[in-house]
Amino acid sequence: MRPLLVPALSRLWRDATTLQLGVDPERAVVLTAVDPPLATFLTSLDGRRTLDAVLAAAPPGIQAAELIGRLLARGAIVDAATLTPSADTAIAAHLASALLTHGPEAADRVTARRRAHVLVRCKGRVGPLVAALLAAGGVGRVTVTGSGVVAPDDVTVGGLGPDDVGRPYVLATIDAIRKAAPTVDTSANSTPDFVVLAAGPLPLPADQVRWTSSGVPHLPVLLRDGVAIVGPLVVPGRTACLSCVEAHRRDRDPAWPVLAAQLATERKPELADASVVSIGAALAAAETTGHLEGVPTAALGVSLEAGPPGVPLRQRPWPPHPRCGCLPGSSAAGARQ
């Protein structure tokens, strides 16, 4: 073991001899009677030396083994031997952050992102921004699909820029991804592990069928009526699918198929505040990376709706539809067997 005091924990002095590690009351650790030798010892816990070497170098009077055990139990120390060093600044930053929430599992979480391939189906403003955020967050391969050229309405902070107007949409999006993370792989030569559907005001029926039938988890992120809608995150065979969502909408409004057909063919720009676009993209990226890491996500079977300033975030659950048959054991699935 090589003890490492978690770098992302703030080190705050409550008074001359009381040191607080971290700010969050649920994980902060307060150490009392911290004199200069003990403060120096804590600073030396940088993950470069083995536990035996650290204990051997501890100043007299410090119960080093007991202290390290306490901090290890509270998640303030991790074993640096389990972490893979990286020269990539984005990955190193994510690792430092992951240590706070995942502790000893941080390296595995970061590795899961690095090995993942996420495809973003793009159109408009939000897709390129999601793709750039995923790349900056340490996803190893981010690929995109899209068409046409960049229009002025496609420009947004962090995504496509004013200089991209008139350029091929996909090439400009790939450039935005590489600006966010120069080492990311953008080659689409494998089946994605996850798909973000950000290609219009409604998910395309072909996408619903393709990714559900192939078992690939997918997440829609839409801009509609000035609101960013993220989800529901679909895990085929475990959650409601996007056809379930459409079926529920038809139940509530018999005219929905007619309205949906018009939405799907609308050519007007995505009208939403820049902050709403950014919130939607950030939520989509966070839900995607959370799923890749195997942690519970808020959008699993739920759509998250972020409106303009002053409108609270709304959560809308989408249970499986009894007539869909996308889940084993449902009435429709049984009827097909």
C-alpha atoms as a PDB file:
ATOM      1  CA  MET A   1       0.000   0.000   0.000  1.00  0.00           C
ATOM      2  CA  ARG A   2       1.076   3.595  -0.763  1.00  0.00           C
ATOM      3  CA  PRO A   3      -1.031   5.992   1.356  1.00  0.00           C
ATOM      4  CA  LEU A   4      -2.365   8.995  -0.543  1.00  0.00           C
ATOM      5  CA  LEU A   5      -4.283  11.798   1.141  1.00  0.00           C
ATOM      6  CA  VAL A   6      -7.102  12.454  -1.333  1.00  0.00           C
ATOM      7  CA  PRO A   7      -5.909  15.507  -3.313  1.00  0.00           C
ATOM      8  CA  ALA A   8      -9.395  16.927  -3.936  1.00  0.00           C
ATOM      9  CA  LEU A   9     -10.102  17.307  -0.208  1.00  0.00           C
ATOM     10  CA  SER A  10      -9.701  20.927   0.891  1.00  0.00           C
ATOM     11  CA  ARG A  11      -7.327  21.316   3.839  1.00  0.00           C
ATOM     12  CA  LEU A  12      -8.755  23.979   6.132  1.00  0.00           C
ATOM     13  CA  TRP A  13      -7.511  25.203   9.507  1.00  0.00           C
ATOM     14  CA  ARG A  14     -10.329  25.722  11.997  1.00  0.00           C
ATOM     15  CA  ASP A  15      -7.807  27.200  14.420  1.00  0.00           C
ATOM     16  CA  ALA A  16      -4.050  26.987  15.004  1.00  0.00           C
ATOM     17  CA  THR A  17      -4.086  23.261  15.819  1.00  0.00           C
ATOM     18  CA  THR A  18      -7.315  21.911  14.283  1.00  0.00           C
ATOM     19  CA  LEU A  19      -7.241  20.758  10.675  1.00  0.00           C
ATOM     20  CA  GLN A  20     -10.346  19.925   8.665  1.00  0.00           C
ATOM     21  CA  LEU A  21     -10.079  17.741   5.579  1.00  0.00           C
ATOM     22  CA  GLY A  22     -12.972  18.458   3.212  1.00  0.00           C
ATOM     23  CA  VAL A  23     -16.000  20.709   3.453  1.00  0.00           C
ATOM     24  CA  ASP A  24     -19.042  18.428   3.066  1.00  0.00           C
ATOM     25  CA  PRO A  25     -20.283  17.624   6.604  1.00  0.00           C
ATOM     26  CA  GLU A  26     -20.968  14.024   5.589  1.00  0.00           C
ATOM     27  CA  ARG A  27     -17.382  13.278   4.628  1.00  0.00           C
ATOM     28  CA  ALA A  28     -15.225  15.968   6.263  1.00  0.00           C
ATOM     29  CA  VAL A  29     -12.658  14.773   8.822  1.00  0.00           C
ATOM     30  CA  VAL A  30     -11.497  17.001  11.691  1.00  0.00           C
ATOM     31  CA  LEU A  31      -8.089  16.391  13.267  1.00  0.00           C
ATOM     32  CA  THR A  32      -7.226  18.039  16.571  1.00  0.00           C
ATOM     33  CA  ALA A  33      -3.882  18.754  18.235  1.00  0.00           C
ATOM     34  CA  VAL A  34      -2.161  19.063  14.863  1.00  0.00           C
ATOM     35  CA  ASP A  35       1.315  20.429  15.553  1.00  0.00           C
ATOM     36  CA  PRO A  36       3.912  21.249  12.844  1.00  0.00           C
ATOM     37  CA  PRO A  37       5.431  17.735  12.778  1.00  0.00           C
ATOM     38  CA  LEU A  38       2.001  16.154  12.300  1.00  0.00           C
ATOM     39  CA  ALA A  39       1.076  18.699   9.626  1.00  0.00           C
ATOM     40  CA  THR A  40       4.289  17.885   7.764  1.00  0.00           C
ATOM     41  CA  PHE A  41       3.579  14.172   8.101  1.00  0.00           C
ATOM     42  CA  LEU A  42       0.119  14.601   6.584  1.00  0.00           C
ATOM     43  CA  THR A  43       1.586  16.552   3.683  1.00  0.00           C
ATOM     44  CA  SER A  44       4.014  13.692   3.071  1.00  0.00           C
ATOM     45  CA  LEU A  45       1.137  11.281   2.350  1.00  0.00           C
ATOM     46  CA  ASP A  46       1.480  11.773  -1.391  1.00  0.00           C
ATOM     47  CA  GLY A  47       1.194   8.151  -2.553  1.00  0.00           C
ATOM     48  CA  ARG A  48       4.850   7.822  -3.506  1.00  0.00           C
ATOM     49  CA  ARG A  49       6.037   5.703  -0.572  1.00  0.00           C
ATOM     50  CA  THR A  50       4.950   2.356   0.780  1.00  0.00           C
ATOM     51  CA  LEU A  51       3.113   2.147   4.084  1.00  0.00           C
ATOM     52  CA  ASP A  52       6.176   0.653   5.765  1.00  0.00           C
ATOM     53  CA  ALA A  53       8.342   3.553   4.546  1.00  0.00           C
ATOM     54  CA  VAL A  54       5.754   6.099   5.704  1.00  0.00           C
ATOM     55  CA  LEU A  55       5.525   4.544   9.171  1.00  0.00           C
ATOM     56  CA  ALA A  56       9.300   4.315   9.482  1.00  0.00           C
ATOM     57  CA  ALA A  57       9.652   8.026   8.678  1.00  0.00           C
ATOM     58  CA  ALA A  58       6.881   9.178  11.008  1.00  0.00           C
ATOM     59  CA  PRO A  59       8.030  11.710  13.642  1.00  0.00           C
ATOM     60  CA  PRO A  60       8.255  10.468  17.245  1.00  0.00           C
ATOM     61  CA  GLY A  61       5.025  10.729  19.189  1.00  0.00           C
ATOM     62  CA  ILE A  62       2.720  10.332  16.190  1.00  0.00           C
ATOM     63  CA  GLN A  63       0.501   7.254  16.175  1.00  0.00           C
ATOM     64  CA  ALA A  64       0.927   7.007  12.410  1.00  0.00           C
ATOM     65  CA  ALA A  65      -0.613   3.568  11.862  1.00  0.00           C
ATOM     66  CA  GLU A  66      -3.721   4.456  13.860  1.00  0.00           C
ATOM     67  CA  LEU A  67      -4.091   7.800  12.104  1.00  0.00           C
ATOM     68  CA  ILE A  68      -3.745   6.282   8.621  1.00  0.00           C
ATOM     69  CA  GLY A  69      -6.267   3.613   9.546  1.00  0.00           C
ATOM     70  CA  ARG A  70      -8.768   6.272  10.667  1.00  0.00           C
ATOM     71  CA  LEU A  71      -8.330   8.338   7.545  1.00  0.00           C
ATOM     72  CA  LEU A  72      -8.537   5.247   5.348  1.00  0.00           C
ATOM     73  CA  ALA A  73     -11.828   4.241   6.984  1.00  0.00           C
ATOM     74  CA  ARG A  74     -13.239   7.736   6.386  1.00  0.00           C
ATOM     75  CA  GLY A  75     -12.195   7.783   2.735  1.00  0.00           C
ATOM     76  CA  ALA A  76      -9.644  10.568   3.226  1.00  0.00           C
ATOM     77  CA  ILE A  77      -6.780   8.246   2.291  1.00  0.00           C
ATOM     78  CA  VAL A  78      -6.648   5.782  -0.599  1.00  0.00           C
ATOM     79  CA  ASP A  79      -4.043   3.325  -1.802  1.00  0.00           C
ATOM     80  CA  ALA A  80      -2.109   4.991  -4.620  1.00  0.00           C
ATOM     81  CA  ALA A  81      -0.890   1.558  -5.721  1.00  0.00           C
ATOM     82  CA  THR A  82      -4.385   0.890  -7.116  1.00  0.00           C
ATOM     83  CA  LEU A  83      -4.341   4.035  -9.255  1.00  0.00           C
ATOM     84  CA  THR A  84      -2.962   4.221 -12.780  1.00  0.00           C
ATOM     85  CA  PRO A  85      -0.971   7.418 -13.339  1.00  0.00           C
ATOM     86  CA  SER A  86      -1.931   9.425 -16.404  1.00  0.00           C
ATOM     87  CA  ALA A  87      -0.268  12.290 -18.196  1.00  0.00           C
ATOM     88  CA  ASP A  88      -3.683  13.319 -19.558  1.00  0.00           C
ATOM     89  CA  THR A  89      -4.786  16.351 -17.568  1.00  0.00           C
ATOM     90  CA  ALA A  90      -8.506  15.613 -18.001  1.00  0.00           C
ATOM     91  CA  ILE A  91      -8.127  12.023 -16.797  1.00  0.00           C
ATOM     92  CA  ALA A  92      -5.952  13.076 -13.865  1.00  0.00           C
ATOM     93  CA  ALA A  93      -8.531  15.686 -12.853  1.00  0.00           C
ATOM     94  CA  HIS A  94     -11.356  13.162 -13.107  1.00  0.00           C
ATOM     95  CA  LEU A  95      -9.375  10.678 -11.033  1.00  0.00           C
ATOM     96  CA  ALA A  96      -8.837  13.274  -8.318  1.00  0.00           C
ATOM     97  CA  SER A  97     -12.569  13.985  -8.275  1.00  0.00           C
ATOM     98  CA  ALA A  98     -13.520  10.301  -8.389  1.00  0.00           C
ATOM     99  CA  LEU A  99     -11.418   9.629  -5.311  1.00  0.00           C
ATOM    100  CA  LEU A 100     -13.871  11.745  -3.318  1.00  0.00           C
ATOM    101  CA  THR A 101     -16.960   9.797  -4.268  1.00  0.00           C
ATOM    102  CA  HIS A 102     -15.624   6.326  -5.086  1.00  0.00           C
ATOM    103  CA  GLY A 103     -12.542   5.977  -2.861  1.00  0.00           C
ATOM    104  CA  PRO A 104     -10.704   2.714  -3.597  1.00  0.00           C
ATOM    105  CA  GLU A 105     -12.931   2.091  -6.640  1.00  0.00           C
ATOM    106  CA  ALA A 106     -11.929   5.388  -8.280  1.00  0.00           C
ATOM    107  CA  ALA A 107      -9.379   3.830 -10.627  1.00  0.00           C
ATOM    108  CA  ASP A 108     -11.907   1.257 -11.851  1.00  0.00           C
ATOM    109  CA  ARG A 109     -14.459   4.024 -12.502  1.00  0.00           C
ATOM    110  CA  VAL A 110     -11.964   6.078 -14.477  1.00  0.00           C
ATOM    111  CA  THR A 111     -10.903   3.013 -16.437  1.00  0.00           C
ATOM    112  CA  ALA A 112     -14.535   2.276 -17.295  1.00  0.00           C
ATOM    113  CA  ARG A 113     -14.818   5.725 -18.876  1.00  0.00           C
ATOM    114  CA  ARG A 114     -11.537   5.414 -20.749  1.00  0.00           C
ATOM    115  CA  ARG A 115     -12.545   2.075 -22.268  1.00  0.00           C
ATOM    116  CA  ALA A 116     -16.045   3.174 -23.263  1.00  0.00           C
ATOM    117  CA  HIS A 117     -17.301   4.141 -26.697  1.00  0.00           C
ATOM    118  CA  VAL A 118     -20.197   6.609 -26.730  1.00  0.00           C
ATOM    119  CA  LEU A 119     -21.986   7.551 -29.944  1.00  0.00           C
ATOM    120  CA  VAL A 120     -23.780  10.903 -30.029  1.00  0.00           C
ATOM    121  CA  ARG A 121     -26.458  11.297 -32.690  1.00  0.00           C
ATOM    122  CA  CYS A 122     -26.267  15.040 -33.329  1.00  0.00           C
ATOM    123  CA  LYS A 123     -28.392  17.792 -34.736  1.00  0.00           C
ATOM    124  CA  GLY A 124     -28.480  21.413 -33.630  1.00  0.00           C
ATOM    125  CA  ARG A 125     -26.765  22.830 -30.570  1.00  0.00           C
ATOM    126  CA  VAL A 126     -26.941  20.321 -27.770  1.00  0.00           C
ATOM    127  CA  GLY A 127     -25.340  17.224 -29.369  1.00  0.00           C
ATOM    128  CA  PRO A 128     -21.873  18.667 -30.036  1.00  0.00           C
ATOM    129  CA  LEU A 129     -21.772  20.101 -26.524  1.00  0.00           C
ATOM    130  CA  VAL A 130     -22.670  16.715 -25.014  1.00  0.00           C
ATOM    131  CA  ALA A 131     -19.941  15.072 -27.102  1.00  0.00           C
ATOM    132  CA  ALA A 132     -17.343  17.631 -26.003  1.00  0.00           C
ATOM    133  CA  LEU A 133     -18.299  17.209 -22.337  1.00  0.00           C
ATOM    134  CA  LEU A 134     -18.021  13.425 -22.582  1.00  0.00           C
ATOM    135  CA  ALA A 135     -14.569  13.703 -24.108  1.00  0.00           C
ATOM    136  CA  ALA A 136     -13.456  16.228 -21.485  1.00  0.00           C
ATOM    137  CA  GLY A 137     -14.834  13.910 -18.793  1.00  0.00           C
ATOM    138  CA  GLY A 138     -12.517  11.068 -19.781  1.00  0.00           C
ATOM    139  CA  VAL A 139     -14.625   8.928 -22.144  1.00  0.00           C
ATOM    140  CA  GLY A 140     -12.045   7.232 -24.340  1.00  0.00           C
ATOM    141  CA  ARG A 141     -13.942   7.095 -27.625  1.00  0.00           C
ATOM    142  CA  VAL A 142     -16.623   9.605 -28.634  1.00  0.00           C
ATOM    143  CA  THR A 143     -18.113   9.353 -32.112  1.00  0.00           C
ATOM    144  CA  VAL A 144     -20.848  11.370 -33.765  1.00  0.00           C
ATOM    145  CA  THR A 145     -23.321  11.256 -36.604  1.00  0.00           C
ATOM    146  CA  GLY A 146     -24.987  14.212 -38.258  1.00  0.00           C
ATOM    147  CA  SER A 147     -25.547  15.839 -41.615  1.00  0.00           C
ATOM    148  CA  GLY A 148     -25.374  19.104 -43.516  1.00  0.00           C
ATOM    149  CA  VAL A 149     -23.366  22.149 -42.596  1.00  0.00           C
ATOM    150  CA  VAL A 150     -23.243  24.218 -39.438  1.00  0.00           C
ATOM    151  CA  ALA A 151     -25.901  26.949 -39.318  1.00  0.00           C
ATOM    152  CA  PRO A 152     -25.785  30.053 -37.112  1.00  0.00           C
ATOM    153  CA  ASP A 153     -28.489  28.480 -34.941  1.00  0.00           C
ATOM    154  CA  ASP A 154     -26.157  25.533 -34.159  1.00  0.00           C
ATOM    155  CA  VAL A 155     -23.634  27.740 -32.341  1.00  0.00           C
ATOM    156  CA  THR A 156     -23.457  27.549 -28.540  1.00  0.00           C
ATOM    157  CA  VAL A 157     -20.906  28.041 -25.784  1.00  0.00           C
ATOM    158  CA  GLY A 158     -18.648  25.009 -25.443  1.00  0.00           C
ATOM    159  CA  GLY A 159     -19.969  23.348 -28.597  1.00  0.00           C
ATOM    160  CA  LEU A 160     -19.867  24.614 -32.158  1.00  0.00           C
ATOM    161  CA  GLY A 161     -18.486  28.137 -32.526  1.00  0.00           C
ATOM    162  CA  PRO A 162     -19.122  31.074 -34.865  1.00  0.00           C
ATOM    163  CA  ASP A 163     -16.107  30.094 -36.983  1.00  0.00           C
ATOM    164  CA  ASP A 164     -17.766  26.731 -37.679  1.00  0.00           C
ATOM    165  CA  VAL A 165     -20.727  28.236 -39.558  1.00  0.00           C
ATOM    166  CA  GLY A 166     -20.740  26.859 -43.104  1.00  0.00           C
ATOM    167  CA  ARG A 167     -18.401  23.955 -42.291  1.00  0.00           C
ATOM    168  CA  PRO A 168     -19.524  20.304 -42.515  1.00  0.00           C
ATOM    169  CA  TYR A 169     -21.458  19.628 -39.325  1.00  0.00           C
ATOM    170  CA  VAL A 170     -19.777  16.339 -38.413  1.00  0.00           C
ATOM    171  CA  LEU A 171     -16.244  17.611 -39.035  1.00  0.00           C
ATOM    172  CA  ALA A 172     -16.904  20.726 -36.940  1.00  0.00           C
ATOM    173  CA  THR A 173     -18.304  18.567 -34.136  1.00  0.00           C
ATOM    174  CA  ILE A 174     -15.248  16.299 -34.199  1.00  0.00           C
ATOM    175  CA  ASP A 175     -13.045  19.399 -33.929  1.00  0.00           C
ATOM    176  CA  ALA A 176     -15.067  20.538 -30.883  1.00  0.00           C
ATOM    177  CA  ILE A 177     -14.505  17.109 -29.303  1.00  0.00           C
ATOM    178  CA  ARG A 178     -10.756  17.248 -29.927  1.00  0.00           C
ATOM    179  CA  LYS A 179     -10.512  20.763 -28.542  1.00  0.00           C
ATOM    180  CA  ALA A 180     -12.065  19.460 -25.338  1.00  0.00           C
ATOM    181  CA  ALA A 181      -9.797  16.377 -25.194  1.00  0.00           C
ATOM    182  CA  PRO A 182      -6.998  16.148 -27.780  1.00  0.00           C
ATOM    183  CA  THR A 183      -6.271  12.485 -27.058  1.00  0.00           C
ATOM    184  CA  VAL A 184      -9.845  11.207 -27.456  1.00  0.00           C
ATOM    185  CA  ASP A 185     -10.513   8.574 -30.119  1.00  0.00           C
ATOM    186  CA  THR A 186     -13.168   9.706 -32.643  1.00  0.00           C
ATOM    187  CA  SER A 187     -12.980   6.698 -34.988  1.00  0.00           C
ATOM    188  CA  ALA A 188     -16.286   4.886 -35.416  1.00  0.00           C
ATOM    189  CA  ASN A 189     -14.981   1.365 -35.955  1.00  0.00           C
ATOM    190  CA  SER A 190     -16.828  -0.484 -33.201  1.00  0.00           C
ATOM    191  CA  THR A 191     -20.311  -0.906 -31.750  1.00  0.00           C
ATOM    192  CA  PRO A 192     -20.918   1.792 -29.117  1.00  0.00           C
ATOM    193  CA  ASP A 193     -21.398   0.941 -25.478  1.00  0.00           C
ATOM    194  CA  PHE A 194     -23.877   3.800 -25.101  1.00  0.00           C
ATOM    195  CA  VAL A 195     -25.784   6.130 -27.435  1.00  0.00           C
ATOM    196  CA  VAL A 196     -26.932   9.699 -26.822  1.00  0.00           C
ATOM    197  CA  LEU A 197     -29.860  10.685 -29.039  1.00  0.00           C
ATOM    198  CA  ALA A 198     -29.644  14.419 -29.608  1.00  0.00           C
ATOM    199  CA  ALA A 199     -30.881  14.670 -33.176  1.00  0.00           C
ATOM    200  CA  GLY A 200     -34.121  16.629 -32.941  1.00  0.00           C
ATOM    201  CA  PRO A 201     -37.240  17.386 -30.880  1.00  0.00           C
ATOM    202  CA  LEU A 202     -38.144  13.669 -30.757  1.00  0.00           C
ATOM    203  CA  PRO A 203     -36.093  10.455 -30.885  1.00  0.00           C
ATOM    204  CA  LEU A 204     -36.308   8.927 -34.340  1.00  0.00           C
ATOM    205  CA  PRO A 205     -38.350   5.666 -34.473  1.00  0.00           C
ATOM    206  CA  ALA A 206     -35.470   3.981 -36.316  1.00  0.00           C
ATOM    207  CA  ASP A 207     -33.139   4.816 -33.418  1.00  0.00           C
ATOM    208  CA  GLN A 208     -35.614   3.423 -30.908  1.00  0.00           C
ATOM    209  CA  VAL A 209     -35.801   0.110 -32.752  1.00  0.00           C
ATOM    210  CA  ARG A 210     -32.104  -0.157 -33.587  1.00  0.00           C
ATOM    211  CA  TRP A 211     -30.647   0.434 -30.146  1.00  0.00           C
ATOM    212  CA  THR A 212     -33.336  -1.439 -28.235  1.00  0.00           C
ATOM    213  CA  SER A 213     -33.042  -4.510 -30.451  1.00  0.00           C
ATOM    214  CA  SER A 214     -29.242  -4.445 -30.264  1.00  0.00           C
ATOM    215  CA  GLY A 215     -29.265  -4.121 -26.470  1.00  0.00           C
ATOM    216  CA  VAL A 216     -27.323  -0.834 -26.368  1.00  0.00           C
ATOM    217  CA  PRO A 217     -28.304   1.584 -23.564  1.00  0.00           C
ATOM    218  CA  HIS A 218     -29.408   4.954 -24.913  1.00  0.00           C
ATOM    219  CA  LEU A 219     -30.429   8.362 -23.651  1.00  0.00           C
ATOM    220  CA  PRO A 220     -32.421  11.042 -25.486  1.00  0.00           C
ATOM    221  CA  VAL A 221     -31.635  14.703 -24.874  1.00  0.00           C
ATOM    222  CA  LEU A 222     -34.026  17.123 -26.524  1.00  0.00           C
ATOM    223  CA  LEU A 223     -34.752  20.831 -26.677  1.00  0.00           C
ATOM    224  CA  ARG A 224     -38.470  21.470 -26.902  1.00  0.00           C
ATOM    225  CA  ASP A 225     -40.593  24.497 -26.014  1.00  0.00           C
ATOM    226  CA  GLY A 226     -37.574  26.177 -24.436  1.00  0.00           C
ATOM    227  CA  VAL A 227     -36.996  23.186 -22.132  1.00  0.00           C
ATOM    228  CA  ALA A 228     -34.129  20.673 -22.097  1.00  0.00           C
ATOM    229  CA  ILE A 229     -35.461  17.130 -21.694  1.00  0.00           C
ATOM    230  CA  VAL A 230     -32.954  14.449 -20.722  1.00  0.00           C
ATOM    231  CA  GLY A 231     -34.132  10.864 -20.587  1.00  0.00           C
ATOM    232  CA  PRO A 232     -35.504   8.458 -19.942  1.00  0.00           C
ATOM    233  CA  LEU A 233     -32.285   6.455 -19.925  1.00  0.00           C
ATOM    234  CA  VAL A 234     -33.176   3.156 -21.566  1.00  0.00           C
ATOM    235  CA  VAL A 235     -31.406  -0.078 -20.639  1.00  0.00           C
ATOM    236  CA  PRO A 236     -32.951  -2.667 -22.968  1.00  0.00           C
ATOM    237  CA  GLY A 237     -34.539  -5.528 -21.067  1.00  0.00           C
ATOM    238  CA  ARG A 238     -34.453  -3.647 -17.747  1.00  0.00           C
ATOM    239  CA  THR A 239     -36.359  -0.393 -18.192  1.00  0.00           C
ATOM    240  CA  ALA A 240     -39.175   1.053 -20.222  1.00  0.00           C
ATOM    241  CA  CYS A 241     -38.167   1.747 -23.800  1.00  0.00           C
ATOM    242  CA  LEU A 242     -38.872   4.841 -25.874  1.00  0.00           C
ATOM    243  CA  SER A 243     -41.784   3.036 -27.536  1.00  0.00           C
ATOM    244  CA  CYS A 244     -43.292   2.783 -24.047  1.00  0.00           C
ATOM    245  CA  VAL A 245     -43.010   6.553 -23.763  1.00  0.00           C
ATOM    246  CA  GLU A 246     -44.816   7.009 -27.067  1.00  0.00           C
ATOM    247  CA  ALA A 247     -47.517   4.545 -25.995  1.00  0.00           C
ATOM    248  CA  HIS A 248     -48.112   6.431 -22.749  1.00  0.00           C
ATOM    249  CA  ARG A 249     -48.362   9.681 -24.697  1.00  0.00           C
ATOM    250  CA  ARG A 250     -50.939   8.117 -27.044  1.00  0.00           C
ATOM    251  CA  ASP A 251     -52.956   6.954 -24.046  1.00  0.00           C
ATOM    252  CA  ARG A 252     -53.024  10.479 -22.629  1.00  0.00           C
ATOM    253  CA  ASP A 253     -53.645  12.197 -25.964  1.00  0.00           C
ATOM    254  CA  PRO A 254     -55.102  10.270 -28.938  1.00  0.00           C
ATOM    255  CA  ALA A 255     -53.869  13.058 -31.240  1.00  0.00           C
ATOM    256  CA  TRP A 256     -50.242  12.579 -30.159  1.00  0.00           C
ATOM    257  CA  PRO A 257     -49.179  10.569 -33.285  1.00  0.00           C
ATOM    258  CA  VAL A 258     -50.343  13.440 -35.506  1.00  0.00           C
ATOM    259  CA  LEU A 259     -48.526  15.999 -33.354  1.00  0.00           C
ATOM    260  CA  ALA A 260     -45.368  13.860 -33.182  1.00  0.00           C
ATOM    261  CA  ALA A 261     -45.249  13.537 -36.961  1.00  0.00           C
ATOM    262  CA  GLN A 262     -45.322  17.319 -37.276  1.00  0.00           C
ATOM    263  CA  LEU A 263     -42.656  17.751 -34.596  1.00  0.00           C
ATOM    264  CA  ALA A 264     -40.381  15.286 -36.356  1.00  0.00           C
ATOM    265  CA  THR A 265     -40.518  17.245 -39.611  1.00  0.00           C
ATOM    266  CA  GLU A 266     -40.252  20.763 -38.162  1.00  0.00           C
ATOM    267  CA  ARG A 267     -37.384  22.769 -39.565  1.00  0.00           C
ATOM    268  CA  LYS A 268     -37.401  25.697 -37.152  1.00  0.00           C
ATOM    269  CA  PRO A 269     -34.343  26.369 -34.921  1.00  0.00           C
ATOM    270  CA  GLU A 270     -34.121  25.010 -31.377  1.00  0.00           C
ATOM    271  CA  LEU A 271     -35.332  27.956 -29.341  1.00  0.00           C
ATOM    272  CA  ALA A 272     -33.944  27.691 -25.821  1.00  0.00           C
ATOM    273  CA  ASP A 273     -31.911  29.885 -23.526  1.00  0.00           C
ATOM    274  CA  ALA A 274     -28.164  29.227 -23.683  1.00  0.00           C
ATOM    275  CA  SER A 275     -28.221  28.256 -20.008  1.00  0.00           C
ATOM    276  CA  VAL A 276     -30.938  25.663 -20.719  1.00  0.00           C
ATOM    277  CA  VAL A 277     -28.856  24.181 -23.545  1.00  0.00           C
ATOM    278  CA  SER A 278     -25.849  23.965 -21.230  1.00  0.00           C
ATOM    279  CA  ILE A 279     -27.860  22.401 -18.397  1.00  0.00           C
ATOM    280  CA  GLY A 280     -29.351  19.807 -20.734  1.00  0.00           C
ATOM    281  CA  ALA A 281     -25.959  18.899 -22.166  1.00  0.00           C
ATOM    282  CA  ALA A 282     -24.365  18.704 -18.710  1.00  0.00           C
ATOM    283  CA  LEU A 283     -27.165  16.494 -17.365  1.00  0.00           C
ATOM    284  CA  ALA A 284     -26.889  14.199 -20.386  1.00  0.00           C
ATOM    285  CA  ALA A 285     -23.111  13.903 -20.012  1.00  0.00           C
ATOM    286  CA  ALA A 286     -23.382  13.242 -16.268  1.00  0.00           C
ATOM    287  CA  GLU A 287     -26.065  10.578 -16.733  1.00  0.00           C
ATOM    288  CA  THR A 288     -24.019   8.927 -19.462  1.00  0.00           C
ATOM    289  CA  THR A 289     -20.769   8.772 -17.509  1.00  0.00           C
ATOM    290  CA  GLY A 290     -22.626   7.656 -14.390  1.00  0.00           C
ATOM    291  CA  HIS A 291     -24.104   4.732 -16.288  1.00  0.00           C
ATOM    292  CA  LEU A 292     -20.727   3.826 -17.764  1.00  0.00           C
ATOM    293  CA  GLU A 293     -19.298   3.707 -14.257  1.00  0.00           C
ATOM    294  CA  GLY A 294     -22.150   1.539 -12.997  1.00  0.00           C
ATOM    295  CA  VAL A 295     -23.518   4.047 -10.495  1.00  0.00           C
ATOM    296  CA  PRO A 296     -27.256   4.785 -10.025  1.00  0.00           C
ATOM    297  CA  THR A 297     -28.481   7.506 -12.364  1.00  0.00           C
ATOM    298  CA  ALA A 298     -31.393   9.900 -11.945  1.00  0.00           C
ATOM    299  CA  ALA A 299     -32.636   9.451 -15.527  1.00  0.00           C
ATOM    300  CA  LEU A 300     -33.032   5.650 -15.401  1.00  0.00           C
ATOM    301  CA  GLY A 301     -36.642   5.284 -16.544  1.00  0.00           C
ATOM    302  CA  VAL A 302     -37.184   8.988 -15.825  1.00  0.00           C
ATOM    303  CA  SER A 303     -37.010  12.144 -17.923  1.00  0.00           C
ATOM    304  CA  LEU A 304     -35.365  15.197 -16.372  1.00  0.00           C
ATOM    305  CA  GLU A 305     -36.770  18.499 -17.605  1.00  0.00           C
ATOM    306  CA  ALA A 306     -34.792  21.712 -17.117  1.00  0.00           C
ATOM    307  CA  GLY A 307     -36.581  24.934 -18.001  1.00  0.00           C
ATOM    308  CA  PRO A 308     -35.567  28.583 -18.105  1.00  0.00           C
ATOM    309  CA  PRO A 309     -34.402  30.492 -14.998  1.00  0.00           C
ATOM    310  CA  GLY A 310     -36.906  30.311 -12.171  1.00  0.00           C
ATOM    311  CA  VAL A 311     -38.444  27.006 -13.308  1.00  0.00           C
ATOM    312  CA  PRO A 312     -37.486  24.071 -11.039  1.00  0.00           C
ATOM    313  CA  LEU A 313     -36.092  20.839 -12.441  1.00  0.00           C
ATOM    314  CA  ARG A 314     -38.913  18.406 -13.104  1.00  0.00           C
ATOM    315  CA  GLN A 315     -38.734  14.611 -12.996  1.00  0.00           C
ATOM    316  CA  ARG A 316     -41.227  12.588 -15.036  1.00  0.00           C
ATOM    317  CA  PRO A 317     -41.195   8.793 -14.517  1.00  0.00           C
ATOM    318  CA  TRP A 318     -41.923   6.485 -17.456  1.00  0.00           C
ATOM    319  CA  PRO A 319     -42.952   2.972 -16.392  1.00  0.00           C
ATOM    320  CA  PRO A 320     -43.050   0.108 -18.884  1.00  0.00           C
ATOM    321  CA  HIS A 321     -46.217   0.191 -20.974  1.00  0.00           C
ATOM    322  CA  PRO A 322     -48.315  -2.957 -20.547  1.00  0.00           C
ATOM    323  CA  ARG A 323     -48.874  -3.321 -24.296  1.00  0.00           C
ATOM    324  CA  CYS A 324     -45.289  -2.705 -25.409  1.00  0.00           C
ATOM    325  CA  GLY A 325     -43.674  -6.059 -24.722  1.00  0.00           C
ATOM    326  CA  CYS A 326     -40.131  -4.732 -24.398  1.00  0.00           C
ATOM    327  CA  LEU A 327     -39.617  -6.408 -21.015  1.00  0.00           C
ATOM    328  CA  PRO A 328     -39.699 -10.156 -20.345  1.00  0.00           C
ATOM    329  CA  GLY A 329     -42.902 -11.210 -18.638  1.00  0.00           C
ATOM    330  CA  SER A 330     -45.030  -8.332 -19.921  1.00  0.00           C
ATOM    331  CA  SER A 331     -48.441  -9.167 -21.360  1.00  0.00           C
ATOM    332  CA  ALA A 332     -47.453  -8.086 -24.862  1.00  0.00           C
ATOM    333  CA  ALA A 333     -44.213 -10.049 -24.712  1.00  0.00           C
ATOM    334  CA  GLY A 334     -46.138 -13.148 -23.602  1.00  0.00           C
ATOM    335  CA  ALA A 335     -48.600 -12.733 -26.448  1.00  0.00           C
ATOM    336  CA  ARG A 336     -45.743 -12.746 -28.958  1.00  0.00           C
ATOM    337  CA  GLN A 337     -44.250 -16.006 -27.707  1.00  0.00           C
END
